């Protein structure tokens, strides 16, 4: 059996390693969040532009048919 001081040091070393892994995972998730938010923004712009284009086409087509 290990002396108490060595056991405590191993527990602290393991806790530090675990916290480092948690920190790295948080950094990775933060990066993914930024990438996802950017993609959401692009898709929202694409959707808005598409809706405007379809609306304009529908209005123009409707106006031409009425003439």
PDB file of N, CA and C in Angstrom:
ATOM      1  N   UNK A   1       0.827  -1.178   0.000  1.00  0.00           N
ATOM      2  CA  UNK A   1       0.000   0.000   0.000  1.00  0.00           C
ATOM      3  C   UNK A   1       0.877   1.250   0.000  1.00  0.00           C
ATOM      4  N   UNK A   2       0.383   2.282  -0.684  1.00  0.00           N
ATOM      5  CA  UNK A   2       1.139   3.518  -0.771  1.00  0.00           C
ATOM      6  C   UNK A   2       0.957   4.346   0.493  1.00  0.00           C
ATOM      7  N   UNK A   3       1.993   5.103   0.847  1.00  0.00           N
ATOM      8  CA  UNK A   3       1.816   6.046   1.947  1.00  0.00           C
ATOM      9  C   UNK A   3       0.753   7.072   1.566  1.00  0.00           C
ATOM     10  N   UNK A   4       0.090   7.642   2.546  1.00  0.00           N
ATOM     11  CA  UNK A   4      -1.030   8.547   2.332  1.00  0.00           C
ATOM     12  C   UNK A   4      -0.670   9.737   1.450  1.00  0.00           C
ATOM     13  N   UNK A   5       0.515  10.301   1.606  1.00  0.00           N
ATOM     14  CA  UNK A   5       0.930  11.451   0.809  1.00  0.00           C
ATOM     15  C   UNK A   5       1.006  11.131  -0.672  1.00  0.00           C
ATOM     16  N   UNK A   6       1.485   9.953  -1.028  1.00  0.00           N
ATOM     17  CA  UNK A   6       1.574   9.555  -2.440  1.00  0.00           C
ATOM     18  C   UNK A   6       0.190   9.340  -3.026  1.00  0.00           C
ATOM     19  N   UNK A   7      -0.706   8.763  -2.248  1.00  0.00           N
ATOM     20  CA  UNK A   7      -2.075   8.561  -2.713  1.00  0.00           C
ATOM     21  C   UNK A   7      -2.740   9.903  -2.971  1.00  0.00           C
ATOM     22  N   UNK A   8      -2.575  10.847  -2.063  1.00  0.00           N
ATOM     23  CA  UNK A   8      -3.145  12.177  -2.239  1.00  0.00           C
ATOM     24  C   UNK A   8      -2.598  12.848  -3.493  1.00  0.00           C
ATOM     25  N   UNK A   9      -1.288  12.711  -3.725  1.00  0.00           N
ATOM     26  CA  UNK A   9      -0.676  13.324  -4.905  1.00  0.00           C
ATOM     27  C   UNK A   9      -1.231  12.697  -6.170  1.00  0.00           C
ATOM     28  N   UNK A  10      -1.415  11.402  -6.193  1.00  0.00           N
ATOM     29  CA  UNK A  10      -1.973  10.735  -7.375  1.00  0.00           C
ATOM     30  C   UNK A  10      -3.402  11.205  -7.628  1.00  0.00           C
ATOM     31  N   UNK A  11      -4.180  11.370  -6.582  1.00  0.00           N
ATOM     32  CA  UNK A  11      -5.557  11.847  -6.740  1.00  0.00           C
ATOM     33  C   UNK A  11      -5.565  13.260  -7.304  1.00  0.00           C
ATOM     34  N   UNK A  12      -4.682  14.107  -6.776  1.00  0.00           N
ATOM     35  CA  UNK A  12      -4.597  15.487  -7.269  1.00  0.00           C
ATOM     36  C   UNK A  12      -4.132  15.480  -8.730  1.00  0.00           C
ATOM     37  N   UNK A  13      -3.152  14.655  -9.077  1.00  0.00           N
ATOM     38  CA  UNK A  13      -2.672  14.564 -10.463  1.00  0.00           C
ATOM     39  C   UNK A  13      -3.795  14.115 -11.397  1.00  0.00           C
ATOM     40  N   UNK A  14      -4.568  13.144 -10.973  1.00  0.00           N
ATOM     41  CA  UNK A  14      -5.683  12.659 -11.785  1.00  0.00           C
ATOM     42  C   UNK A  14      -6.753  13.745 -11.937  1.00  0.00           C
ATOM     43  N   UNK A  15      -7.029  14.474 -10.864  1.00  0.00           N
ATOM     44  CA  UNK A  15      -8.022  15.554 -10.919  1.00  0.00           C
ATOM     45  C   UNK A  15      -7.553  16.654 -11.861  1.00  0.00           C
ATOM     46  N   UNK A  16      -6.281  17.006 -11.806  1.00  0.00           N
ATOM     47  CA  UNK A  16      -5.742  18.033 -12.694  1.00  0.00           C
ATOM     48  C   UNK A  16      -5.833  17.587 -14.152  1.00  0.00           C
ATOM     49  N   UNK A  17      -5.506  16.333 -14.412  1.00  0.00           N
ATOM     50  CA  UNK A  17      -5.590  15.810 -15.782  1.00  0.00           C
ATOM     51  C   UNK A  17      -7.035  15.840 -16.275  1.00  0.00           C
ATOM     52  N   UNK A  18      -7.952  15.469 -15.406  1.00  0.00           N
ATOM     53  CA  UNK A  18      -9.373  15.494 -15.769  1.00  0.00           C
ATOM     54  C   UNK A  18      -9.827  16.919 -16.076  1.00  0.00           C
ATOM     55  N   UNK A  19      -9.446  17.860 -15.241  1.00  0.00           N
ATOM     56  CA  UNK A  19      -9.844  19.249 -15.461  1.00  0.00           C
ATOM     57  C   UNK A  19      -9.238  19.808 -16.750  1.00  0.00           C
ATOM     58  N   UNK A  20      -8.043  19.395 -17.087  1.00  0.00           N
ATOM     59  CA  UNK A  20      -7.423  19.805 -18.347  1.00  0.00           C
ATOM     60  C   UNK A  20      -8.232  19.262 -19.530  1.00  0.00           C
ATOM     61  N   UNK A  21      -8.674  18.009 -19.420  1.00  0.00           N
ATOM     62  CA  UNK A  21      -9.512  17.423 -20.469  1.00  0.00           C
ATOM     63  C   UNK A  21     -10.837  18.170 -20.591  1.00  0.00           C
ATOM     64  N   UNK A  22     -11.421  18.554 -19.479  1.00  0.00           N
ATOM     65  CA  UNK A  22     -12.673  19.311 -19.495  1.00  0.00           C
ATOM     66  C   UNK A  22     -12.440  20.659 -20.173  1.00  0.00           C
ATOM     67  N   UNK A  23     -11.344  21.319 -19.846  1.00  0.00           N
ATOM     68  CA  UNK A  23     -11.018  22.605 -20.447  1.00  0.00           C
ATOM     69  C   UNK A  23     -10.859  22.475 -21.962  1.00  0.00           C
ATOM     70  N   UNK A  24     -10.173  21.447 -22.407  1.00  0.00           N
ATOM     71  CA  UNK A  24      -9.987  21.224 -23.846  1.00  0.00           C
ATOM     72  C   UNK A  24     -11.319  20.964 -24.541  1.00  0.00           C
ATOM     73  N   UNK A  25     -12.174  20.192 -23.901  1.00  0.00           N
ATOM     74  CA  UNK A  25     -13.489  19.902 -24.486  1.00  0.00           C
ATOM     75  C   UNK A  25     -14.334  21.174 -24.568  1.00  0.00           C
ATOM     76  N   UNK A  26     -14.260  22.026 -23.559  1.00  0.00           N
ATOM     77  CA  UNK A  26     -14.979  23.296 -23.605  1.00  0.00           C
ATOM     78  C   UNK A  26     -14.481  24.167 -24.748  1.00  0.00           C
ATOM     79  N   UNK A  27     -13.181  24.187 -24.961  1.00  0.00           N
ATOM     80  CA  UNK A  27     -12.618  24.966 -26.070  1.00  0.00           C
ATOM     81  C   UNK A  27     -13.106  24.417 -27.410  1.00  0.00           C
ATOM     82  N   UNK A  28     -13.114  23.112 -27.543  1.00  0.00           N
ATOM     83  CA  UNK A  28     -13.575  22.495 -28.791  1.00  0.00           C
ATOM     84  C   UNK A  28     -15.060  22.791 -29.026  1.00  0.00           C
ATOM     85  N   UNK A  29     -15.858  22.694 -27.972  1.00  0.00           N
ATOM     86  CA  UNK A  29     -17.285  22.975 -28.104  1.00  0.00           C
ATOM     87  C   UNK A  29     -17.544  24.444 -28.433  1.00  0.00           C
ATOM     88  N   UNK A  30     -16.760  25.328 -27.840  1.00  0.00           N
ATOM     89  CA  UNK A  30     -16.893  26.759 -28.136  1.00  0.00           C
ATOM     90  C   UNK A  30     -16.582  27.023 -29.604  1.00  0.00           C
ATOM     91  N   UNK A  31     -15.565  26.380 -30.137  1.00  0.00           N
ATOM     92  CA  UNK A  31     -15.215  26.525 -31.550  1.00  0.00           C
ATOM     93  C   UNK A  31     -16.343  25.994 -32.430  1.00  0.00           C
ATOM     94  N   UNK A  32     -16.865  24.831 -32.093  1.00  0.00           N
ATOM     95  CA  UNK A  32     -17.978  24.262 -32.868  1.00  0.00           C
ATOM     96  C   UNK A  32     -19.200  25.161 -32.807  1.00  0.00           C
ATOM     97  N   UNK A  33     -19.460  25.737 -31.634  1.00  0.00           N
ATOM     98  CA  UNK A  33     -20.596  26.650 -31.480  1.00  0.00           C
ATOM     99  C   UNK A  33     -20.465  27.831 -32.439  1.00  0.00           C
ATOM    100  N   UNK A  34     -19.262  28.400 -32.516  1.00  0.00           N
ATOM    101  CA  UNK A  34     -19.031  29.532 -33.413  1.00  0.00           C
ATOM    102  C   UNK A  34     -19.247  29.116 -34.866  1.00  0.00           C
ATOM    103  N   UNK A  35     -18.764  27.939 -35.233  1.00  0.00           N
ATOM    104  CA  UNK A  35     -18.945  27.446 -36.600  1.00  0.00           C
ATOM    105  C   UNK A  35     -20.426  27.215 -36.908  1.00  0.00           C
ATOM    106  N   UNK A  36     -21.149  26.637 -35.967  1.00  0.00           N
ATOM    107  CA  UNK A  36     -22.575  26.378 -36.154  1.00  0.00           C
ATOM    108  C   UNK A  36     -23.349  27.689 -36.256  1.00  0.00           C
ATOM    109  N   UNK A  37     -23.029  28.649 -35.400  1.00  0.00           N
ATOM    110  CA  UNK A  37     -23.707  29.947 -35.464  1.00  0.00           C
ATOM    111  C   UNK A  37     -23.448  30.635 -36.804  1.00  0.00           C
ATOM    112  N   UNK A  38     -22.243  30.512 -37.330  1.00  0.00           N
ATOM    113  CA  UNK A  38     -21.928  31.068 -38.646  1.00  0.00           C
ATOM    114  C   UNK A  38     -22.742  30.402 -39.736  1.00  0.00           C
ATOM    115  N   UNK A  39     -22.868  29.093 -39.672  1.00  0.00           N
ATOM    116  CA  UNK A  39     -23.653  28.351 -40.660  1.00  0.00           C
ATOM    117  C   UNK A  39     -25.138  28.713 -40.563  1.00  0.00           C
ATOM    118  N   UNK A  40     -25.637  28.864 -39.356  1.00  0.00           N
ATOM    119  CA  UNK A  40     -27.033  29.276 -39.160  1.00  0.00           C
ATOM    120  C   UNK A  40     -27.257  30.648 -39.782  1.00  0.00           C
ATOM    121  N   UNK A  41     -26.338  31.560 -39.578  1.00  0.00           N
ATOM    122  CA  UNK A  41     -26.452  32.898 -40.143  1.00  0.00           C
ATOM    123  C   UNK A  41     -26.484  32.845 -41.670  1.00  0.00           C
ATOM    124  N   UNK A  42     -25.596  32.043 -42.263  1.00  0.00           N
ATOM    125  CA  UNK A  42     -25.573  31.907 -43.720  1.00  0.00           C
ATOM    126  C   UNK A  42     -26.888  31.333 -44.240  1.00  0.00           C
ATOM    127  N   UNK A  43     -27.393  30.316 -43.565  1.00  0.00           N
ATOM    128  CA  UNK A  43     -28.646  29.698 -44.006  1.00  0.00           C
ATOM    129  C   UNK A  43     -29.826  30.641 -43.846  1.00  0.00           C
ATOM    130  N   UNK A  44     -29.843  31.430 -42.776  1.00  0.00           N
ATOM    131  CA  UNK A  44     -30.910  32.417 -42.600  1.00  0.00           C
ATOM    132  C   UNK A  44     -30.876  33.452 -43.730  1.00  0.00           C
ATOM    133  N   UNK A  45     -29.678  33.915 -44.090  1.00  0.00           N
ATOM    134  CA  UNK A  45     -29.542  34.864 -45.197  1.00  0.00           C
ATOM    135  C   UNK A  45     -30.016  34.236 -46.509  1.00  0.00           C
ATOM    136  N   UNK A  46     -29.625  32.998 -46.733  1.00  0.00           N
ATOM    137  CA  UNK A  46     -30.027  32.277 -47.941  1.00  0.00           C
ATOM    138  C   UNK A  46     -31.546  32.144 -47.997  1.00  0.00           C
ATOM    139  N   UNK A  47     -32.150  31.774 -46.880  1.00  0.00           N
ATOM    140  CA  UNK A  47     -33.606  31.629 -46.823  1.00  0.00           C
ATOM    141  C   UNK A  47     -34.294  32.957 -47.089  1.00  0.00           C
ATOM    142  N   UNK A  48     -33.825  34.011 -46.436  1.00  0.00           N
ATOM    143  CA  UNK A  48     -34.416  35.345 -46.621  1.00  0.00           C
ATOM    144  C   UNK A  48     -34.323  35.777 -48.083  1.00  0.00           C
ATOM    145  N   UNK A  49     -33.147  35.591 -48.691  1.00  0.00           N
ATOM    146  CA  UNK A  49     -32.968  35.953 -50.097  1.00  0.00           C
ATOM    147  C   UNK A  49     -33.877  35.120 -51.001  1.00  0.00           C
ATOM    148  N   UNK A  50     -34.006  33.849 -50.708  1.00  0.00           N
ATOM    149  CA  UNK A  50     -34.862  32.972 -51.501  1.00  0.00           C
ATOM    150  C   UNK A  50     -36.322  33.356 -51.405  1.00  0.00           C
ATOM    151  N   UNK A  51     -36.781  33.663 -50.198  1.00  0.00           N
ATOM    152  CA  UNK A  51     -38.169  34.081 -50.003  1.00  0.00           C
ATOM    153  C   UNK A  51     -38.433  35.386 -50.754  1.00  0.00           C
ATOM    154  N   UNK A  52     -37.505  36.315 -50.684  1.00  0.00           N
ATOM    155  CA  UNK A  52     -37.658  37.586 -51.404  1.00  0.00           C
ATOM    156  C   UNK A  52     -37.701  37.360 -52.909  1.00  0.00           C
ATOM    157  N   UNK A  53     -36.828  36.493 -53.406  1.00  0.00           N
ATOM    158  CA  UNK A  53     -36.794  36.218 -54.843  1.00  0.00           C
ATOM    159  C   UNK A  53     -38.098  35.578 -55.300  1.00  0.00           C
ATOM    160  N   UNK A  54     -38.594  34.615 -54.557  1.00  0.00           N
ATOM    161  CA  UNK A  54     -39.852  33.950 -54.914  1.00  0.00           C
ATOM    162  C   UNK A  54     -41.011  34.937 -54.837  1.00  0.00           C
ATOM    163  N   UNK A  55     -41.027  35.769 -53.810  1.00  0.00           N
ATOM    164  CA  UNK A  55     -42.094  36.760 -53.673  1.00  0.00           C
ATOM    165  C   UNK A  55     -42.071  37.745 -54.836  1.00  0.00           C
ATOM    166  N   UNK A  56     -40.885  38.222 -55.189  1.00  0.00           N
ATOM    167  CA  UNK A  56     -40.747  39.158 -56.307  1.00  0.00           C
ATOM    168  C   UNK A  56     -41.199  38.503 -57.603  1.00  0.00           C
ATOM    169  N   UNK A  57     -40.788  37.271 -57.815  1.00  0.00           N
ATOM    170  CA  UNK A  57     -41.181  36.546 -59.029  1.00  0.00           C
ATOM    171  C   UNK A  57     -42.694  36.368 -59.066  1.00  0.00           C
ATOM    172  N   UNK A  58     -43.289  35.998 -57.948  1.00  0.00           N
ATOM    173  CA  UNK A  58     -44.733  35.786 -57.894  1.00  0.00           C
ATOM    174  C   UNK A  58     -45.488  37.071 -58.170  1.00  0.00           C
ATOM    175  N   UNK A  59     -45.027  38.175 -57.599  1.00  0.00           N
ATOM    176  CA  UNK A  59     -45.678  39.475 -57.813  1.00  0.00           C
ATOM    177  C   UNK A  59     -45.535  39.876 -59.278  1.00  0.00           C
ATOM    178  N   UNK A  60     -44.309  39.748 -59.829  1.00  0.00           N
ATOM    179  CA  UNK A  60     -44.080  40.095 -61.227  1.00  0.00           C
ATOM    180  C   UNK A  60     -44.908  39.230 -62.162  1.00  0.00           C
ATOM    181  N   UNK A  61     -44.972  37.970 -61.920  1.00  0.00           N
ATOM    182  CA  UNK A  61     -45.722  37.047 -62.750  1.00  0.00           C
ATOM    183  C   UNK A  61     -47.214  37.367 -62.671  1.00  0.00           C
ATOM    184  N   UNK A  62     -47.691  37.632 -61.463  1.00  0.00           N
ATOM    185  CA  UNK A  62     -49.098  37.989 -61.269  1.00  0.00           C
ATOM    186  C   UNK A  62     -49.466  39.278 -61.983  1.00  0.00           C
ATOM    187  N   UNK A  63     -48.577  40.242 -61.940  1.00  0.00           N
ATOM    188  CA  UNK A  63     -48.818  41.529 -62.600  1.00  0.00           C
ATOM    189  C   UNK A  63     -48.862  41.357 -64.108  1.00  0.00           C
ATOM    190  N   UNK A  64     -47.951  40.551 -64.656  1.00  0.00           N
ATOM    191  CA  UNK A  64     -47.908  40.327 -66.099  1.00  0.00           C
ATOM    192  C   UNK A  64     -49.154  39.602 -66.568  1.00  0.00           C
ATOM    193  N   UNK A  65     -49.669  38.657 -65.800  1.00  0.00           N
ATOM    194  CA  UNK A  65     -50.854  37.911 -66.194  1.00  0.00           C
ATOM    195  C   UNK A  65     -52.084  38.795 -66.173  1.00  0.00           C
ATOM    196  N   UNK A  66     -52.098  39.813 -65.298  1.00  0.00           N
ATOM    197  CA  UNK A  66     -53.241  40.716 -65.214  1.00  0.00           C
ATOM    198  C   UNK A  66     -53.301  41.674 -66.399  1.00  0.00           C
ATOM    199  N   UNK A  67     -52.136  41.956 -67.029  1.00  0.00           N
ATOM    200  CA  UNK A  67     -52.085  42.932 -68.153  1.00  0.00           C
ATOM    201  C   UNK A  67     -52.744  42.398 -69.381  1.00  0.00           C
TER     202      UNK A  67
END
